[in-house]
């Protein structure tokens, strides 16, 4: 990652640390979200024409807004001086979805496209990109997962900005 992206990644991690524990152990109560159409004759805004989704107390949707849409466009195995690398190209839906179960669905799409990705440490790298890199670098073309990186556990992968065992080259 570039120095700018690493700085943004660190800022996102710091913000997450500040909010950790803020009601995270409490069950999320279902809250409905509705809007009222404006009292004018103007064309309705997109927000009033979209179906309203229920939201949890944490603001997460209770219905997958991208159900039926692929979250991963494609994968591509490449190699660099360190070894094999799987490039994971998310779709726009994969970049945007806030749905809690979408991460697992996306990982299954990766494994369907690249069954060899199911090696120790690869899921933690994917999860790090899914949770953090989508925030820090939302337009990064691909998420790079390397099977040669050490399997150190998710927390250590996050601390290494998704690249345990050395920087991305």
C-alpha atoms as a PDB file:
ATOM      1  CA  UNK A   1       0.000   0.000   0.000  1.00  0.00           C
ATOM      2  CA  UNK A   2       1.146   3.556  -0.598  1.00  0.00           C
ATOM      3  CA  UNK A   3       2.126   5.764   2.332  1.00  0.00           C
ATOM      4  CA  UNK A   4      -1.120   7.739   1.931  1.00  0.00           C
ATOM      5  CA  UNK A   5      -3.254   4.591   1.981  1.00  0.00           C
ATOM      6  CA  UNK A   6      -1.320   3.203   4.982  1.00  0.00           C
ATOM      7  CA  UNK A   7      -1.964   6.503   6.820  1.00  0.00           C
ATOM      8  CA  UNK A   8      -5.659   6.356   6.007  1.00  0.00           C
ATOM      9  CA  UNK A   9      -5.718   2.696   7.033  1.00  0.00           C
ATOM     10  CA  UNK A  10      -4.134   3.643  10.381  1.00  0.00           C
ATOM     11  CA  UNK A  11      -6.717   6.408  10.858  1.00  0.00           C
ATOM     12  CA  UNK A  12      -9.573   3.979  10.195  1.00  0.00           C
ATOM     13  CA  UNK A  13      -8.086   1.504  12.676  1.00  0.00           C
ATOM     14  CA  UNK A  14      -7.721   4.240  15.285  1.00  0.00           C
ATOM     15  CA  UNK A  15     -11.340   5.306  14.804  1.00  0.00           C
ATOM     16  CA  UNK A  16     -12.460   1.702  15.126  1.00  0.00           C
ATOM     17  CA  UNK A  17     -10.482   1.327  18.345  1.00  0.00           C
ATOM     18  CA  UNK A  18     -12.176   4.405  19.770  1.00  0.00           C
ATOM     19  CA  UNK A  19     -15.620   3.026  19.030  1.00  0.00           C
ATOM     20  CA  UNK A  20     -14.890  -0.586  20.005  1.00  0.00           C
ATOM     21  CA  UNK A  21     -17.175  -1.735  22.755  1.00  0.00           C
ATOM     22  CA  UNK A  22     -19.775   0.978  22.182  1.00  0.00           C
ATOM     23  CA  UNK A  23     -22.759  -1.288  22.545  1.00  0.00           C
ATOM     24  CA  UNK A  24     -21.085  -4.067  20.573  1.00  0.00           C
ATOM     25  CA  UNK A  25     -22.046  -6.655  23.187  1.00  0.00           C
ATOM     26  CA  UNK A  26     -25.683  -5.613  23.201  1.00  0.00           C
ATOM     27  CA  UNK A  27     -28.089  -7.324  20.817  1.00  0.00           C
ATOM     28  CA  UNK A  28     -29.145  -5.099  17.956  1.00  0.00           C
ATOM     29  CA  UNK A  29     -32.798  -4.153  18.043  1.00  0.00           C
ATOM     30  CA  UNK A  30     -34.664  -4.000  14.752  1.00  0.00           C
ATOM     31  CA  UNK A  31     -35.600  -0.500  13.704  1.00  0.00           C
ATOM     32  CA  UNK A  32     -37.626   0.346  10.648  1.00  0.00           C
ATOM     33  CA  UNK A  33     -36.633   3.141   8.344  1.00  0.00           C
ATOM     34  CA  UNK A  34     -39.265   5.069   6.418  1.00  0.00           C
ATOM     35  CA  UNK A  35     -39.365   8.324   4.565  1.00  0.00           C
ATOM     36  CA  UNK A  36     -42.260  10.545   3.658  1.00  0.00           C
ATOM     37  CA  UNK A  37     -42.574  11.844   0.122  1.00  0.00           C
ATOM     38  CA  UNK A  38     -42.114  15.604  -0.160  1.00  0.00           C
ATOM     39  CA  UNK A  39     -45.315  17.605  -0.415  1.00  0.00           C
ATOM     40  CA  UNK A  40     -44.433  19.068  -3.805  1.00  0.00           C
ATOM     41  CA  UNK A  41     -45.219  18.235  -7.389  1.00  0.00           C
ATOM     42  CA  UNK A  42     -41.542  17.766  -8.234  1.00  0.00           C
ATOM     43  CA  UNK A  43     -40.329  14.358  -9.360  1.00  0.00           C
ATOM     44  CA  UNK A  44     -39.629  12.052  -6.421  1.00  0.00           C
ATOM     45  CA  UNK A  45     -36.044  11.839  -5.286  1.00  0.00           C
ATOM     46  CA  UNK A  46     -34.270   8.481  -5.613  1.00  0.00           C
ATOM     47  CA  UNK A  47     -34.445   7.930  -1.854  1.00  0.00           C
ATOM     48  CA  UNK A  48     -38.241   8.042  -1.923  1.00  0.00           C
ATOM     49  CA  UNK A  49     -38.516   5.640  -4.859  1.00  0.00           C
ATOM     50  CA  UNK A  50     -36.207   2.984  -3.390  1.00  0.00           C
ATOM     51  CA  UNK A  51     -37.746   0.242  -1.255  1.00  0.00           C
ATOM     52  CA  UNK A  52     -37.217   0.923   2.410  1.00  0.00           C
ATOM     53  CA  UNK A  53     -35.063  -1.613   4.228  1.00  0.00           C
ATOM     54  CA  UNK A  54     -35.278  -2.395   7.912  1.00  0.00           C
ATOM     55  CA  UNK A  55     -32.147  -1.460   9.834  1.00  0.00           C
ATOM     56  CA  UNK A  56     -30.600  -2.799  13.000  1.00  0.00           C
ATOM     57  CA  UNK A  57     -29.797  -0.408  15.844  1.00  0.00           C
ATOM     58  CA  UNK A  58     -26.226  -0.359  14.481  1.00  0.00           C
ATOM     59  CA  UNK A  59     -27.544   0.899  11.132  1.00  0.00           C
ATOM     60  CA  UNK A  60     -26.912  -2.369   9.292  1.00  0.00           C
ATOM     61  CA  UNK A  61     -29.590  -3.608   6.899  1.00  0.00           C
ATOM     62  CA  UNK A  62     -31.698  -6.594   7.900  1.00  0.00           C
ATOM     63  CA  UNK A  63     -32.200  -7.431   4.218  1.00  0.00           C
ATOM     64  CA  UNK A  64     -29.261  -7.823   1.817  1.00  0.00           C
ATOM     65  CA  UNK A  65     -29.536  -4.861  -0.585  1.00  0.00           C
ATOM     66  CA  UNK A  66     -27.357  -6.731  -3.109  1.00  0.00           C
ATOM     67  CA  UNK A  67     -28.952 -10.194  -2.829  1.00  0.00           C
ATOM     68  CA  UNK A  68     -28.526 -12.100  -6.073  1.00  0.00           C
ATOM     69  CA  UNK A  69     -25.736  -9.816  -7.317  1.00  0.00           C
ATOM     70  CA  UNK A  70     -22.141 -11.046  -7.456  1.00  0.00           C
ATOM     71  CA  UNK A  71     -19.792  -9.439  -4.947  1.00  0.00           C
ATOM     72  CA  UNK A  72     -16.607 -10.611  -6.691  1.00  0.00           C
ATOM     73  CA  UNK A  73     -16.102  -9.837 -10.376  1.00  0.00           C
ATOM     74  CA  UNK A  74     -13.154 -12.162 -10.934  1.00  0.00           C
ATOM     75  CA  UNK A  75      -9.937 -13.523  -9.486  1.00  0.00           C
ATOM     76  CA  UNK A  76      -6.561 -13.864 -11.153  1.00  0.00           C
ATOM     77  CA  UNK A  77      -3.464 -15.739 -10.013  1.00  0.00           C
ATOM     78  CA  UNK A  78      -0.193 -13.917 -10.682  1.00  0.00           C
ATOM     79  CA  UNK A  79       3.325 -14.097  -9.254  1.00  0.00           C
ATOM     80  CA  UNK A  80       5.893 -11.586  -8.103  1.00  0.00           C
ATOM     81  CA  UNK A  81       9.354 -11.883  -6.550  1.00  0.00           C
ATOM     82  CA  UNK A  82       7.807 -13.145  -3.289  1.00  0.00           C
ATOM     83  CA  UNK A  83       5.615 -15.858  -4.802  1.00  0.00           C
ATOM     84  CA  UNK A  84       2.030 -16.477  -5.827  1.00  0.00           C
ATOM     85  CA  UNK A  85      -0.583 -13.755  -5.501  1.00  0.00           C
ATOM     86  CA  UNK A  86      -4.332 -13.938  -5.959  1.00  0.00           C
ATOM     87  CA  UNK A  87      -5.850 -10.717  -7.249  1.00  0.00           C
ATOM     88  CA  UNK A  88      -9.464 -10.422  -6.110  1.00  0.00           C
ATOM     89  CA  UNK A  89     -11.523  -7.900  -8.073  1.00  0.00           C
ATOM     90  CA  UNK A  90     -14.684  -6.890  -6.160  1.00  0.00           C
ATOM     91  CA  UNK A  91     -17.796  -5.723  -7.979  1.00  0.00           C
ATOM     92  CA  UNK A  92     -19.402  -2.398  -7.158  1.00  0.00           C
ATOM     93  CA  UNK A  93     -21.871  -4.337  -4.986  1.00  0.00           C
ATOM     94  CA  UNK A  94     -18.910  -5.957  -3.205  1.00  0.00           C
ATOM     95  CA  UNK A  95     -17.406  -2.551  -2.511  1.00  0.00           C
ATOM     96  CA  UNK A  96     -20.651  -1.057  -1.193  1.00  0.00           C
ATOM     97  CA  UNK A  97     -22.637  -3.709   0.637  1.00  0.00           C
ATOM     98  CA  UNK A  98     -23.030  -3.146   4.362  1.00  0.00           C
ATOM     99  CA  UNK A  99     -24.903  -6.432   4.865  1.00  0.00           C
ATOM    100  CA  UNK A 100     -23.441  -8.492   7.733  1.00  0.00           C
ATOM    101  CA  UNK A 101     -23.497 -11.847   5.867  1.00  0.00           C
ATOM    102  CA  UNK A 102     -22.003 -10.514   2.653  1.00  0.00           C
ATOM    103  CA  UNK A 103     -18.385 -11.172   3.683  1.00  0.00           C
ATOM    104  CA  UNK A 104     -18.979 -14.934   3.840  1.00  0.00           C
ATOM    105  CA  UNK A 105     -20.866 -14.918   0.555  1.00  0.00           C
ATOM    106  CA  UNK A 106     -18.014 -13.002  -1.089  1.00  0.00           C
ATOM    107  CA  UNK A 107     -15.407 -15.452   0.277  1.00  0.00           C
ATOM    108  CA  UNK A 108     -17.420 -18.359  -1.168  1.00  0.00           C
ATOM    109  CA  UNK A 109     -17.374 -16.565  -4.530  1.00  0.00           C
ATOM    110  CA  UNK A 110     -13.568 -16.282  -4.249  1.00  0.00           C
ATOM    111  CA  UNK A 111     -13.254 -19.999  -3.443  1.00  0.00           C
ATOM    112  CA  UNK A 112     -15.558 -20.923  -6.316  1.00  0.00           C
ATOM    113  CA  UNK A 113     -13.404 -18.939  -8.745  1.00  0.00           C
ATOM    114  CA  UNK A 114     -10.079 -19.934  -7.159  1.00  0.00           C
ATOM    115  CA  UNK A 115     -10.345 -23.128  -5.059  1.00  0.00           C
ATOM    116  CA  UNK A 116      -6.569 -23.016  -4.419  1.00  0.00           C
ATOM    117  CA  UNK A 117      -7.137 -19.891  -2.310  1.00  0.00           C
ATOM    118  CA  UNK A 118      -8.326 -22.014   0.602  1.00  0.00           C
ATOM    119  CA  UNK A 119      -4.958 -22.050   2.402  1.00  0.00           C
ATOM    120  CA  UNK A 120      -3.951 -20.961   5.933  1.00  0.00           C
ATOM    121  CA  UNK A 121      -4.027 -17.199   6.321  1.00  0.00           C
ATOM    122  CA  UNK A 122      -5.765 -16.368   3.053  1.00  0.00           C
ATOM    123  CA  UNK A 123      -9.209 -15.897   4.620  1.00  0.00           C
ATOM    124  CA  UNK A 124      -7.747 -13.520   7.240  1.00  0.00           C
ATOM    125  CA  UNK A 125      -6.143 -11.457   4.454  1.00  0.00           C
ATOM    126  CA  UNK A 126      -9.449 -11.430   2.569  1.00  0.00           C
ATOM    127  CA  UNK A 127     -11.388 -10.470   5.693  1.00  0.00           C
ATOM    128  CA  UNK A 128      -8.936  -7.634   6.396  1.00  0.00           C
ATOM    129  CA  UNK A 129      -9.471  -6.276   2.893  1.00  0.00           C
ATOM    130  CA  UNK A 130     -13.244  -6.731   3.186  1.00  0.00           C
ATOM    131  CA  UNK A 131     -13.509  -4.926   6.521  1.00  0.00           C
ATOM    132  CA  UNK A 132     -10.703  -2.344   6.390  1.00  0.00           C
ATOM    133  CA  UNK A 133      -9.349  -1.860   2.872  1.00  0.00           C
ATOM    134  CA  UNK A 134     -12.850  -1.160   1.551  1.00  0.00           C
ATOM    135  CA  UNK A 135     -12.827   1.874   3.874  1.00  0.00           C
ATOM    136  CA  UNK A 136      -9.186   2.942   3.485  1.00  0.00           C
ATOM    137  CA  UNK A 137      -8.874   2.381  -0.274  1.00  0.00           C
ATOM    138  CA  UNK A 138     -12.399   1.979  -1.670  1.00  0.00           C
ATOM    139  CA  UNK A 139     -11.318   2.261  -5.305  1.00  0.00           C
ATOM    140  CA  UNK A 140      -8.279  -0.033  -5.165  1.00  0.00           C
ATOM    141  CA  UNK A 141      -8.741  -2.187  -8.289  1.00  0.00           C
ATOM    142  CA  UNK A 142      -7.886  -5.501  -6.626  1.00  0.00           C
ATOM    143  CA  UNK A 143      -7.282  -6.969  -3.223  1.00  0.00           C
ATOM    144  CA  UNK A 144      -4.061  -8.953  -3.255  1.00  0.00           C
ATOM    145  CA  UNK A 145      -3.949 -12.154  -1.225  1.00  0.00           C
ATOM    146  CA  UNK A 146      -0.725 -14.121  -0.947  1.00  0.00           C
ATOM    147  CA  UNK A 147      -0.576 -17.735   0.249  1.00  0.00           C
ATOM    148  CA  UNK A 148       3.115 -17.356   1.159  1.00  0.00           C
ATOM    149  CA  UNK A 149       2.302 -14.822   3.896  1.00  0.00           C
ATOM    150  CA  UNK A 150       2.351 -16.259   7.431  1.00  0.00           C
ATOM    151  CA  UNK A 151      -0.944 -17.341   9.008  1.00  0.00           C
ATOM    152  CA  UNK A 152      -0.775 -15.129  12.109  1.00  0.00           C
ATOM    153  CA  UNK A 153      -4.476 -14.668  12.937  1.00  0.00           C
ATOM    154  CA  UNK A 154      -6.875 -11.919  11.957  1.00  0.00           C
ATOM    155  CA  UNK A 155      -5.810  -9.324  14.558  1.00  0.00           C
ATOM    156  CA  UNK A 156      -2.153  -9.541  13.486  1.00  0.00           C
ATOM    157  CA  UNK A 157      -3.168  -9.326   9.818  1.00  0.00           C
ATOM    158  CA  UNK A 158      -5.077  -6.112  10.567  1.00  0.00           C
ATOM    159  CA  UNK A 159      -2.105  -4.715  12.507  1.00  0.00           C
ATOM    160  CA  UNK A 160       0.046  -5.423   9.420  1.00  0.00           C
ATOM    161  CA  UNK A 161      -2.380  -3.494   7.175  1.00  0.00           C
ATOM    162  CA  UNK A 162      -3.504  -6.814   5.606  1.00  0.00           C
ATOM    163  CA  UNK A 163       0.089  -7.755   4.692  1.00  0.00           C
ATOM    164  CA  UNK A 164       1.636  -9.909   7.443  1.00  0.00           C
ATOM    165  CA  UNK A 165       5.237 -10.877   6.880  1.00  0.00           C
ATOM    166  CA  UNK A 166       6.233  -7.762   4.973  1.00  0.00           C
ATOM    167  CA  UNK A 167       4.884  -4.925   2.862  1.00  0.00           C
ATOM    168  CA  UNK A 168       3.070  -5.388  -0.413  1.00  0.00           C
ATOM    169  CA  UNK A 169       5.362  -5.074  -3.430  1.00  0.00           C
END
